[in-house]
């Protein structure tokens, strides 16, 4: 029986949409595209455009940007978690004789 090595890389996401986009990326792109539904709200047009710009830019960053080896969405959520968690600072006095 012949044995073949199957190459796999566990650090990379599987590209299942056209060989270019992963499932995570497609979900973020769909969420960003759904922000265009804000055009149906009764807000001033300048506010609509500003909101859509920020929402779409956030989802595009989550889709494509990597900081180091970490995707932007994980980086962002870890940052938010760091901001809101309790921080304990323990002071230990060093005794030098």
Protein backbone atom coordinates (compact mmCIF):
# COMPACT_ATOMS: atom_id res chain seq x y z
CA UNK A 1 0.00 0.00 0.00
CA UNK A 2 1.35 3.38 -0.99
CA UNK A 3 1.42 6.19 1.54
CA UNK A 4 1.13 9.81 0.48
CA UNK A 5 1.91 12.76 2.66
CA UNK A 6 -0.95 15.24 2.77
CA UNK A 7 0.29 18.78 3.23
CA UNK A 8 -1.70 20.87 5.64
CA UNK A 9 -1.11 24.10 7.45
CA UNK A 10 -3.04 24.60 10.66
CA UNK A 11 -2.04 28.26 10.91
CA UNK A 12 -3.94 29.25 7.77
CA UNK A 13 -7.68 29.25 7.26
CA UNK A 14 -9.17 27.04 4.60
CA UNK A 15 -10.10 29.10 1.54
CA UNK A 16 -13.44 27.69 0.49
CA UNK A 17 -14.98 30.51 -1.57
CA UNK A 18 -13.23 30.64 -4.92
CA UNK A 19 -9.96 29.64 -3.31
CA UNK A 20 -9.50 33.21 -2.08
CA UNK A 21 -11.86 33.76 0.85
CA UNK A 22 -12.50 31.80 4.02
CA UNK A 23 -15.88 31.43 5.68
CA UNK A 24 -14.94 34.04 8.31
CA UNK A 25 -14.05 36.55 5.60
CA UNK A 26 -17.29 35.97 3.68
CA UNK A 27 -19.36 36.47 6.84
CA UNK A 28 -17.61 39.78 7.56
CA UNK A 29 -18.12 40.94 3.97
CA UNK A 30 -21.83 40.08 4.18
CA UNK A 31 -22.17 41.98 7.47
CA UNK A 32 -20.45 44.98 5.91
CA UNK A 33 -22.70 44.83 2.85
CA UNK A 34 -25.78 44.60 5.06
CA UNK A 35 -24.84 47.97 6.56
CA UNK A 36 -26.07 49.49 3.30
CA UNK A 37 -29.56 48.93 4.68
CA UNK A 38 -28.97 52.10 6.71
CA UNK A 39 -29.97 54.01 3.58
CA UNK A 40 -33.57 53.03 4.37
CA UNK A 41 -33.53 54.75 7.76
CA UNK A 42 -34.91 58.27 8.27
CA UNK A 43 -31.59 59.87 9.17
CA UNK A 44 -29.86 62.83 7.51
CA UNK A 45 -27.86 61.74 4.46
CA UNK A 46 -24.54 62.98 5.87
CA UNK A 47 -25.02 60.89 9.02
CA UNK A 48 -25.97 57.85 6.93
CA UNK A 49 -22.85 58.12 4.79
CA UNK A 50 -20.63 58.61 7.84
CA UNK A 51 -22.10 55.59 9.64
CA UNK A 52 -21.86 53.41 6.55
CA UNK A 53 -18.25 54.46 6.00
CA UNK A 54 -17.22 53.52 9.55
CA UNK A 55 -19.14 50.24 9.55
CA UNK A 56 -17.83 49.12 6.16
CA UNK A 57 -14.26 50.13 7.00
CA UNK A 58 -14.43 48.18 10.29
CA UNK A 59 -15.69 45.04 8.55
CA UNK A 60 -13.10 45.37 5.78
CA UNK A 61 -10.39 45.59 8.42
CA UNK A 62 -11.81 42.50 10.13
CA UNK A 63 -11.88 40.71 6.80
CA UNK A 64 -8.42 41.37 5.39
CA UNK A 65 -6.06 42.94 7.95
CA UNK A 66 -3.58 40.86 9.92
CA UNK A 67 -1.48 42.26 12.73
CA UNK A 68 1.48 39.98 13.10
CA UNK A 69 0.03 36.50 12.77
CA UNK A 70 -3.33 37.49 14.28
CA UNK A 71 -6.45 38.59 12.43
CA UNK A 72 -7.78 42.06 13.20
CA UNK A 73 -11.07 40.78 14.63
CA UNK A 74 -9.32 38.72 17.31
CA UNK A 75 -6.91 41.57 17.98
CA UNK A 76 -9.83 44.02 18.37
CA UNK A 77 -11.80 41.77 20.71
CA UNK A 78 -8.73 41.07 22.85
CA UNK A 79 -8.13 44.84 23.03
CA UNK A 80 -11.71 45.49 24.17
CA UNK A 81 -11.41 42.67 26.70
CA UNK A 82 -8.19 44.21 28.03
CA UNK A 83 -9.80 47.63 28.40
CA UNK A 84 -12.77 46.42 30.42
CA UNK A 85 -11.25 43.77 32.65
CA UNK A 86 -10.09 44.44 36.16
CA UNK A 87 -6.42 45.00 36.47
CA UNK A 88 -4.68 43.93 39.63
CA UNK A 89 -1.41 45.50 40.61
CA UNK A 90 0.38 43.78 43.44
CA UNK A 91 3.06 45.68 45.20
CA UNK A 92 5.74 43.52 46.73
CA UNK A 93 8.41 45.24 48.66
CA UNK A 94 11.90 43.91 48.13
CA UNK A 95 13.84 43.51 51.29
CA UNK A 96 17.55 44.02 50.84
CA UNK A 97 19.73 43.32 53.82
